[in-house]
Amino acid sequence: MSKLLELYSMPICPYVQRVRIALLDKKISHKVHIIDITKPRPDWFLKLNPVGKCPVLVDDGKIITESSHILHYLEDSKFFFLFSFTHSFIIISMFYFIFILIISFFFNKPIFFFFCFTLTLLFFFILYSIFFFFFKLNIK
């Protein structure tokens, strides 16, 4: 991302506050432009959103309107590789657990299952902790 996100907002709008909370919670740098609600909407703002409603998010020329669309865009966008990574990590660990379960019952050795299950939990806990700690420290 080469530029800051630009959020066009009205200070008292609860939908704008939802987006601002998400941006602040995710630590995404952004610039806020306040729209005066006591006056008719300026022409430059109506070019961004012809309906004249806030919030409007501009990301490098891409215009997103409606708070629910903005929140969905923020969750699915390039800003949250950690979110995607951790969910992928959990899904992979679940498949690995199922694999161990099938193998242990195939060999009919419950002790093998518990041994592998314990090692799997320990391994994923350590690996997940390392990745979470590393990425949590480096996200700005």
Protein backbone atom coordinates (compact mmCIF):
# COMPACT_ATOMS: atom_id res chain seq x y z
CA MET A 1 0.00 0.00 0.00
CA SER A 2 1.62 3.22 -1.13
CA LYS A 3 -0.81 5.73 0.35
CA LEU A 4 -2.76 6.13 3.56
CA LEU A 5 -6.35 5.08 3.65
CA GLU A 6 -8.72 8.01 3.57
CA LEU A 7 -11.92 7.86 5.59
CA TYR A 8 -14.62 10.44 4.93
CA SER A 9 -16.78 10.75 7.99
CA MET A 10 -19.26 12.66 10.08
CA PRO A 11 -18.28 12.85 13.77
CA ILE A 12 -21.60 11.70 15.23
CA CYS A 13 -22.38 8.90 12.78
CA PRO A 14 -22.37 5.47 14.50
CA TYR A 15 -21.56 3.72 11.21
CA VAL A 16 -18.41 5.80 10.86
CA GLN A 17 -17.50 4.97 14.45
CA ARG A 18 -17.70 1.25 13.61
CA VAL A 19 -15.19 1.71 10.83
CA ARG A 20 -12.92 3.93 12.94
CA ILE A 21 -12.92 1.37 15.75
CA ALA A 22 -11.95 -1.37 13.28
CA LEU A 23 -9.17 0.74 11.77
CA LEU A 24 -7.79 1.65 15.19
CA ASP A 25 -8.12 -1.90 16.49
CA LYS A 26 -6.26 -3.29 13.48
CA LYS A 27 -3.66 -0.49 13.76
CA ILE A 28 -4.15 0.62 10.17
CA SER A 29 -2.91 4.13 9.55
CA HIS A 30 -5.55 6.31 7.96
CA LYS A 31 -6.50 9.92 7.44
CA VAL A 32 -9.94 11.16 8.46
CA HIS A 33 -11.78 13.84 6.48
CA ILE A 34 -14.70 15.40 8.36
CA ILE A 35 -17.84 16.23 6.36
CA ASP A 36 -19.95 19.06 7.76
CA ILE A 37 -23.50 17.76 8.18
CA THR A 38 -25.02 21.21 8.62
CA LYS A 39 -24.33 22.11 4.98
CA PRO A 40 -25.21 20.44 1.69
CA ARG A 41 -22.68 17.83 0.64
CA PRO A 42 -19.83 19.26 -1.46
CA ASP A 43 -19.58 18.24 -5.12
CA TRP A 44 -16.22 16.51 -4.59
CA PHE A 45 -17.82 14.29 -1.93
CA LEU A 46 -20.81 13.51 -4.14
CA LYS A 47 -18.34 12.29 -6.78
CA LEU A 48 -17.06 9.77 -4.23
CA ASN A 49 -20.52 8.72 -3.07
CA PRO A 50 -23.46 10.05 -5.11
CA VAL A 51 -25.85 9.12 -2.30
CA GLY A 52 -23.99 11.51 0.02
CA LYS A 53 -23.80 9.09 2.95
CA CYS A 54 -20.87 8.36 5.21
CA PRO A 55 -18.63 6.50 5.73
CA VAL A 56 -16.59 6.38 2.55
CA LEU A 57 -13.19 4.70 2.47
CA VAL A 58 -10.69 5.38 -0.31
CA ASP A 59 -7.82 2.95 -0.69
CA ASP A 60 -5.40 3.96 -3.43
CA GLY A 61 -8.23 5.11 -5.71
CA LYS A 62 -10.65 2.33 -4.81
CA ILE A 63 -13.84 3.74 -3.28
CA ILE A 64 -15.79 1.67 -0.76
CA THR A 65 -19.07 2.91 0.71
CA GLU A 66 -21.33 1.56 3.48
CA SER A 67 -19.78 0.54 6.79
CA SER A 68 -20.52 -3.17 6.40
CA HIS A 69 -18.79 -3.23 3.00
CA ILE A 70 -15.82 -1.34 4.43
CA LEU A 71 -15.48 -3.75 7.36
CA HIS A 72 -15.70 -6.71 5.01
CA TYR A 73 -13.06 -5.14 2.75
CA LEU A 74 -10.73 -4.57 5.70
CA GLU A 75 -11.11 -8.17 6.88
CA ASP A 76 -10.48 -9.66 3.44
CA SER A 77 -7.81 -7.27 2.25
CA LYS A 78 -4.04 -7.31 2.26
CA PHE A 79 -3.91 -5.76 5.73
CA PHE A 80 -4.70 -8.98 7.53
CA PHE A 81 -2.29 -11.63 6.38
CA LEU A 82 -1.82 -12.58 10.03
CA PHE A 83 -5.54 -13.21 10.44
CA SER A 84 -5.55 -15.41 7.33
CA PHE A 85 -2.34 -17.13 8.39
CA THR A 86 -3.60 -18.06 11.85
CA HIS A 87 -6.88 -19.41 10.50
CA SER A 88 -5.03 -21.47 7.91
CA PHE A 89 -2.74 -22.69 10.64
CA ILE A 90 -5.69 -23.83 12.77
CA ILE A 91 -7.33 -25.59 9.81
CA ILE A 92 -4.10 -27.42 8.96
CA SER A 93 -3.71 -28.51 12.58
CA MET A 94 -7.28 -29.85 12.57
CA PHE A 95 -6.60 -31.92 9.46
CA TYR A 96 -3.39 -33.21 11.01
CA PHE A 97 -5.31 -34.19 14.14
CA ILE A 98 -7.89 -36.07 12.03
CA PHE A 99 -5.06 -37.81 10.17
CA ILE A 100 -3.51 -38.94 13.47
CA LEU A 101 -6.91 -40.12 14.67
CA ILE A 102 -7.48 -42.22 11.55
CA ILE A 103 -3.98 -43.71 11.66
CA SER A 104 -4.27 -44.60 15.34
CA PHE A 105 -7.56 -46.39 14.85
CA PHE A 106 -6.28 -48.09 11.73
CA PHE A 107 -3.45 -49.62 13.76
CA ASN A 108 -5.84 -50.15 16.69
CA LYS A 109 -3.41 -48.61 19.15
CA PRO A 110 -5.04 -46.01 21.40
CA ILE A 111 -1.76 -45.28 23.17
CA PHE A 112 -0.29 -44.28 19.81
CA PHE A 113 -3.15 -41.82 19.37
CA PHE A 114 -2.64 -40.19 22.77
CA PHE A 115 1.10 -39.99 22.30
CA CYS A 116 0.77 -38.37 18.85
CA PHE A 117 -2.05 -36.14 20.02
CA THR A 118 0.04 -34.83 22.93
CA LEU A 119 3.05 -34.21 20.70
CA THR A 120 0.84 -32.51 18.13
CA LEU A 121 -0.72 -30.18 20.67
CA LEU A 122 2.66 -29.32 22.13
CA PHE A 123 4.19 -28.71 18.71
CA PHE A 124 1.35 -26.50 17.49
CA PHE A 125 1.15 -24.59 20.75
CA ILE A 126 4.85 -23.75 20.60
CA LEU A 127 4.77 -22.90 16.90
CA TYR A 128 1.61 -20.82 17.22
CA SER A 129 3.03 -18.94 20.22
CA ILE A 130 6.24 -18.13 18.37
CA PHE A 131 4.41 -16.85 15.28
CA PHE A 132 1.84 -14.92 17.30
CA PHE A 133 4.52 -13.30 19.46
CA PHE A 134 6.69 -12.43 16.46
CA PHE A 135 3.89 -10.94 14.34
CA LYS A 136 2.25 -9.17 17.28
CA LEU A 137 5.47 -7.31 18.01
CA ASN A 138 6.03 -6.29 14.40
CA ILE A 139 2.55 -5.10 13.40
CA LYS A 140 2.27 -1.33 13.46
